[in-house]
Amino acid sequence: MTTTGHKSKNKLVQLKLPVDVKNKLDDIFAKDGTTTPQALKMIATQIANRGFSPFTTLHYEQYSEPVSAELEAKLREDELKIMGYLPDDADEFTDEQSLNQAFEKNLK
């Protein structure tokens, strides 16, 4: 058998993960019926096809109108709070009554 010198259109990407991380990924992806390498390939393909990373905090360029610097800063701050990088100063409601009162106050 002869080869035509055709190069694969695929590139090999290798990464080393801590054993516990790899084992957790194997368990998670097995529940979806796939392997860790297959799942990571799907994730990489989806990111490449969409043109942005899920680790980019916000994609302002997707809005049809420009976002003001003030709104952008507020959105980033809110997102950092959700991600746990900044303290969350949101109100906490310990019971249904206080939650309902907050809804009534803020929606009227």
N, C-alpha and C. Protein backbone atom coordinates (compact mmCIF):
# COMPACT_ATOMS: atom_id res chain seq x y z
N MET A 1 0.85 -1.17 0.00
CA MET A 1 0.00 0.00 0.00
C MET A 1 0.89 1.24 0.00
N THR A 2 0.56 2.17 -0.84
CA THR A 2 1.35 3.41 -0.90
C THR A 2 0.56 4.55 -0.30
N THR A 3 1.28 5.53 0.16
CA THR A 3 0.62 6.72 0.69
C THR A 3 0.75 7.85 -0.32
N THR A 4 -0.21 8.70 -0.32
CA THR A 4 -0.21 9.81 -1.28
C THR A 4 0.41 11.08 -0.71
N GLY A 5 0.87 10.99 0.51
CA GLY A 5 1.43 12.18 1.12
C GLY A 5 0.36 13.13 1.63
N HIS A 6 -0.88 12.67 1.68
CA HIS A 6 -2.00 13.48 2.15
C HIS A 6 -1.85 13.71 3.66
N LYS A 7 -1.85 14.96 4.04
CA LYS A 7 -1.75 15.28 5.46
C LYS A 7 -3.14 15.36 6.06
N SER A 8 -3.25 14.92 7.27
CA SER A 8 -4.52 14.98 7.99
C SER A 8 -4.91 16.44 8.20
N LYS A 9 -6.20 16.70 8.14
CA LYS A 9 -6.69 18.05 8.40
C LYS A 9 -6.98 18.25 9.89
N ASN A 10 -6.53 17.32 10.69
CA ASN A 10 -6.70 17.40 12.13
C ASN A 10 -5.37 17.71 12.79
N LYS A 11 -5.44 18.38 13.92
CA LYS A 11 -4.26 18.66 14.73
C LYS A 11 -4.44 18.00 16.08
N LEU A 12 -3.39 17.41 16.58
CA LEU A 12 -3.42 16.76 17.87
C LEU A 12 -3.22 17.80 18.97
N VAL A 13 -4.09 17.78 19.95
CA VAL A 13 -3.96 18.66 21.12
C VAL A 13 -3.87 17.74 22.33
N GLN A 14 -2.83 17.90 23.10
CA GLN A 14 -2.66 17.09 24.29
C GLN A 14 -2.66 17.99 25.52
N LEU A 15 -3.21 17.47 26.60
CA LEU A 15 -3.14 18.20 27.84
C LEU A 15 -3.02 17.22 28.99
N LYS A 16 -2.38 17.67 30.03
CA LYS A 16 -2.25 16.85 31.23
C LYS A 16 -3.18 17.42 32.29
N LEU A 17 -3.93 16.52 32.90
CA LEU A 17 -4.86 16.90 33.96
C LEU A 17 -4.51 16.13 35.22
N PRO A 18 -4.75 16.71 36.37
CA PRO A 18 -4.61 15.92 37.60
C PRO A 18 -5.55 14.71 37.54
N VAL A 19 -5.12 13.61 38.09
CA VAL A 19 -5.88 12.37 38.02
C VAL A 19 -7.30 12.56 38.54
N ASP A 20 -7.46 13.28 39.65
CA ASP A 20 -8.80 13.45 40.22
C ASP A 20 -9.71 14.25 39.28
N VAL A 21 -9.15 15.24 38.59
CA VAL A 21 -9.93 16.02 37.63
C VAL A 21 -10.36 15.14 36.47
N LYS A 22 -9.43 14.36 35.93
CA LYS A 22 -9.74 13.46 34.81
C LYS A 22 -10.80 12.45 35.22
N ASN A 23 -10.71 11.89 36.40
CA ASN A 23 -11.69 10.92 36.87
C ASN A 23 -13.08 11.55 37.01
N LYS A 24 -13.12 12.76 37.52
CA LYS A 24 -14.40 13.46 37.64
C LYS A 24 -15.01 13.73 36.26
N LEU A 25 -14.17 14.17 35.33
CA LEU A 25 -14.66 14.40 33.97
C LEU A 25 -15.17 13.11 33.34
N ASP A 26 -14.44 12.02 33.53
CA ASP A 26 -14.87 10.73 33.00
C ASP A 26 -16.26 10.37 33.52
N ASP A 27 -16.48 10.57 34.82
CA ASP A 27 -17.78 10.26 35.42
C ASP A 27 -18.89 11.16 34.87
N ILE A 28 -18.59 12.44 34.75
CA ILE A 28 -19.59 13.40 34.25
C ILE A 28 -19.97 13.08 32.82
N PHE A 29 -18.96 12.91 31.95
CA PHE A 29 -19.24 12.67 30.54
C PHE A 29 -19.84 11.29 30.29
N ALA A 30 -19.48 10.31 31.11
CA ALA A 30 -20.05 8.97 30.96
C ALA A 30 -21.57 9.01 31.14
N LYS A 31 -22.05 9.89 32.00
CA LYS A 31 -23.50 10.02 32.20
C LYS A 31 -24.19 10.51 30.93
N ASP A 32 -23.43 11.20 30.07
CA ASP A 32 -23.97 11.68 28.79
C ASP A 32 -23.70 10.69 27.66
N GLY A 33 -23.05 9.57 27.99
CA GLY A 33 -22.78 8.55 26.98
C GLY A 33 -21.59 8.86 26.11
N THR A 34 -20.66 9.64 26.63
CA THR A 34 -19.46 9.98 25.84
C THR A 34 -18.22 9.84 26.70
N THR A 35 -17.09 9.98 26.07
CA THR A 35 -15.82 9.93 26.80
C THR A 35 -15.30 11.35 26.98
N THR A 36 -14.33 11.49 27.85
CA THR A 36 -13.73 12.81 28.07
C THR A 36 -13.10 13.36 26.79
N PRO A 37 -12.30 12.58 26.05
CA PRO A 37 -11.75 13.13 24.80
C PRO A 37 -12.83 13.54 23.80
N GLN A 38 -13.88 12.71 23.66
CA GLN A 38 -14.96 13.06 22.74
C GLN A 38 -15.65 14.34 23.18
N ALA A 39 -15.94 14.46 24.46
CA ALA A 39 -16.63 15.64 24.98
C ALA A 39 -15.78 16.89 24.82
N LEU A 40 -14.48 16.80 25.11
CA LEU A 40 -13.61 17.97 24.95
C LEU A 40 -13.50 18.38 23.49
N LYS A 41 -13.52 17.41 22.58
CA LYS A 41 -13.51 17.73 21.15
C LYS A 41 -14.80 18.46 20.77
N MET A 42 -15.94 17.99 21.30
CA MET A 42 -17.22 18.66 21.01
C MET A 42 -17.23 20.08 21.56
N ILE A 43 -16.71 20.24 22.77
CA ILE A 43 -16.67 21.57 23.39
C ILE A 43 -15.78 22.51 22.57
N ALA A 44 -14.60 22.03 22.17
CA ALA A 44 -13.69 22.86 21.38
C ALA A 44 -14.32 23.24 20.04
N THR A 45 -15.01 22.28 19.42
CA THR A 45 -15.65 22.54 18.13
C THR A 45 -16.76 23.58 18.29
N GLN A 46 -17.54 23.45 19.35
CA GLN A 46 -18.63 24.41 19.58
C GLN A 46 -18.07 25.82 19.81
N ILE A 47 -17.02 25.93 20.59
CA ILE A 47 -16.41 27.24 20.84
C ILE A 47 -15.90 27.85 19.53
N ALA A 48 -15.21 27.02 18.74
CA ALA A 48 -14.68 27.51 17.46
C ALA A 48 -15.80 27.94 16.52
N ASN A 49 -16.88 27.17 16.47
CA ASN A 49 -17.99 27.50 15.58
C ASN A 49 -18.74 28.75 16.03
N ARG A 50 -18.86 28.95 17.33
CA ARG A 50 -19.56 30.13 17.84
C ARG A 50 -18.69 31.38 17.79
N GLY A 51 -17.39 31.19 17.85
CA GLY A 51 -16.50 32.33 17.74
C GLY A 51 -16.20 33.05 19.03
N PHE A 52 -16.57 32.45 20.16
CA PHE A 52 -16.20 33.05 21.44
C PHE A 52 -16.09 31.99 22.51
N SER A 53 -15.38 32.32 23.55
CA SER A 53 -15.13 31.41 24.65
C SER A 53 -16.17 31.59 25.75
N PRO A 54 -16.56 30.52 26.42
CA PRO A 54 -17.47 30.68 27.55
C PRO A 54 -16.80 31.37 28.73
N PHE A 55 -15.49 31.56 28.65
CA PHE A 55 -14.76 32.20 29.73
C PHE A 55 -14.65 33.71 29.53
N THR A 56 -15.08 34.20 28.38
CA THR A 56 -15.16 35.63 28.17
C THR A 56 -16.34 36.12 29.00
N THR A 57 -16.13 37.14 29.81
CA THR A 57 -17.18 37.50 30.77
C THR A 57 -18.48 37.92 30.11
N LEU A 58 -18.45 38.84 29.19
CA LEU A 58 -19.67 39.26 28.51
C LEU A 58 -19.35 39.57 27.06
N HIS A 59 -20.31 39.35 26.19
CA HIS A 59 -20.10 39.55 24.76
C HIS A 59 -20.89 40.77 24.30
N TYR A 60 -20.41 41.95 24.63
CA TYR A 60 -21.13 43.18 24.33
C TYR A 60 -21.28 43.40 22.83
N GLU A 61 -20.33 42.88 22.05
CA GLU A 61 -20.39 43.10 20.62
C GLU A 61 -21.61 42.45 19.99
N GLN A 62 -22.28 41.56 20.72
CA GLN A 62 -23.46 40.90 20.17
C GLN A 62 -24.72 41.77 20.27
N TYR A 63 -24.64 42.84 21.03
CA TYR A 63 -25.80 43.71 21.16
C TYR A 63 -25.94 44.56 19.90
N SER A 64 -27.17 44.89 19.54
CA SER A 64 -27.37 45.67 18.32
C SER A 64 -27.03 47.15 18.55
N GLU A 65 -27.07 47.59 19.78
CA GLU A 65 -26.72 48.97 20.09
C GLU A 65 -25.54 48.97 21.05
N PRO A 66 -24.69 49.99 20.97
CA PRO A 66 -23.54 50.02 21.88
C PRO A 66 -23.99 50.07 23.34
N VAL A 67 -23.21 49.44 24.19
CA VAL A 67 -23.47 49.45 25.63
C VAL A 67 -22.63 50.55 26.24
N SER A 68 -23.24 51.36 27.08
CA SER A 68 -22.49 52.45 27.71
C SER A 68 -21.44 51.86 28.65
N ALA A 69 -20.40 52.62 28.88
CA ALA A 69 -19.32 52.19 29.77
C ALA A 69 -19.87 51.94 31.18
N GLU A 70 -20.82 52.77 31.59
CA GLU A 70 -21.41 52.62 32.92
C GLU A 70 -22.17 51.29 33.03
N LEU A 71 -22.98 50.98 32.03
CA LEU A 71 -23.73 49.72 32.03
C LEU A 71 -22.78 48.54 31.93
N GLU A 72 -21.76 48.66 31.10
CA GLU A 72 -20.78 47.58 30.96
C GLU A 72 -20.11 47.29 32.31
N ALA A 73 -19.73 48.34 33.03
CA ALA A 73 -19.09 48.17 34.33
C ALA A 73 -20.04 47.51 35.32
N LYS A 74 -21.31 47.92 35.31
CA LYS A 74 -22.29 47.35 36.23
C LYS A 74 -22.53 45.87 35.90
N LEU A 75 -22.64 45.54 34.62
CA LEU A 75 -22.84 44.15 34.22
C LEU A 75 -21.64 43.29 34.62
N ARG A 76 -20.44 43.81 34.43
CA ARG A 76 -19.25 43.06 34.85
C ARG A 76 -19.25 42.84 36.35
N GLU A 77 -19.58 43.88 37.09
CA GLU A 77 -19.62 43.78 38.55
C GLU A 77 -20.64 42.73 38.99
N ASP A 78 -21.82 42.77 38.40
CA ASP A 78 -22.85 41.78 38.74
C ASP A 78 -22.38 40.38 38.42
N GLU A 79 -21.72 40.22 37.27
CA GLU A 79 -21.25 38.89 36.89
C GLU A 79 -20.15 38.40 37.83
N LEU A 80 -19.26 39.30 38.24
CA LEU A 80 -18.20 38.92 39.17
C LEU A 80 -18.78 38.52 40.52
N LYS A 81 -19.88 39.14 40.92
CA LYS A 81 -20.55 38.75 42.15
C LYS A 81 -21.13 37.35 42.02
N ILE A 82 -21.77 37.08 40.89
CA ILE A 82 -22.36 35.76 40.66
C ILE A 82 -21.28 34.69 40.66
N MET A 83 -20.12 35.01 40.08
CA MET A 83 -19.03 34.04 40.00
C MET A 83 -18.28 33.91 41.33
N GLY A 84 -18.59 34.78 42.30
CA GLY A 84 -17.97 34.68 43.61
C GLY A 84 -16.67 35.44 43.78
N TYR A 85 -16.31 36.26 42.78
CA TYR A 85 -15.07 37.03 42.87
C TYR A 85 -15.26 38.32 43.66
N LEU A 86 -16.49 38.79 43.74
CA LEU A 86 -16.82 39.96 44.56
C LEU A 86 -17.91 39.54 45.54
N PRO A 87 -17.95 40.18 46.70
CA PRO A 87 -19.01 39.82 47.64
C PRO A 87 -20.39 40.16 47.06
N ASP A 88 -21.32 39.28 47.29
CA ASP A 88 -22.69 39.46 46.79
C ASP A 88 -23.47 40.29 47.80
N ASP A 89 -23.93 41.45 47.39
CA ASP A 89 -24.68 42.33 48.29
C ASP A 89 -26.18 42.25 48.04
N ALA A 90 -26.61 41.20 47.36
CA ALA A 90 -28.03 41.03 47.08
C ALA A 90 -28.81 40.76 48.36
N ASP A 91 -30.04 41.21 48.37
CA ASP A 91 -30.91 40.94 49.50
C ASP A 91 -31.19 39.44 49.59
N GLU A 92 -31.26 38.94 50.82
CA GLU A 92 -31.61 37.54 51.02
C GLU A 92 -32.95 37.49 51.73
N PHE A 93 -33.79 36.59 51.27
CA PHE A 93 -35.12 36.45 51.84
C PHE A 93 -35.21 35.09 52.50
N THR A 94 -35.53 35.13 53.78
CA THR A 94 -35.54 33.90 54.56
C THR A 94 -36.88 33.18 54.55
N ASP A 95 -37.91 33.90 54.12
CA ASP A 95 -39.22 33.24 54.07
C ASP A 95 -40.02 33.79 52.90
N GLU A 96 -41.10 33.12 52.60
CA GLU A 96 -41.91 33.49 51.43
C GLU A 96 -42.57 34.86 51.62
N GLN A 97 -42.94 35.18 52.83
CA GLN A 97 -43.61 36.46 53.07
C GLN A 97 -42.69 37.64 52.76
N SER A 98 -41.45 37.58 53.21
CA SER A 98 -40.53 38.69 52.93
C SER A 98 -40.21 38.77 51.44
N LEU A 99 -40.17 37.64 50.77
CA LEU A 99 -39.95 37.63 49.33
C LEU A 99 -41.13 38.27 48.61
N ASN A 100 -42.34 37.92 48.99
CA ASN A 100 -43.54 38.50 48.39
C ASN A 100 -43.60 40.01 48.63
N GLN A 101 -43.22 40.45 49.82
CA GLN A 101 -43.21 41.88 50.11
C GLN A 101 -42.21 42.62 49.22
N ALA A 102 -41.07 42.03 48.99
CA ALA A 102 -40.07 42.64 48.12
C ALA A 102 -40.60 42.73 46.69
N PHE A 103 -41.27 41.68 46.22
CA PHE A 103 -41.85 41.72 44.87
C PHE A 103 -42.88 42.84 44.78
N GLU A 104 -43.74 42.94 45.76
CA GLU A 104 -44.78 43.98 45.74
C GLU A 104 -44.15 45.38 45.75
N LYS A 105 -43.14 45.56 46.57
CA LYS A 105 -42.47 46.85 46.67
C LYS A 105 -41.77 47.25 45.37
N ASN A 106 -41.10 46.31 44.76
CA ASN A 106 -40.29 46.62 43.59
C ASN A 106 -41.02 46.52 42.25
N LEU A 107 -42.18 45.89 42.22
CA LEU A 107 -42.89 45.75 40.97
C LEU A 107 -44.04 46.73 40.82
N LYS A 108 -44.29 47.51 41.81
CA LYS A 108 -45.37 48.50 41.74
C LYS A 108 -44.84 49.88 41.50
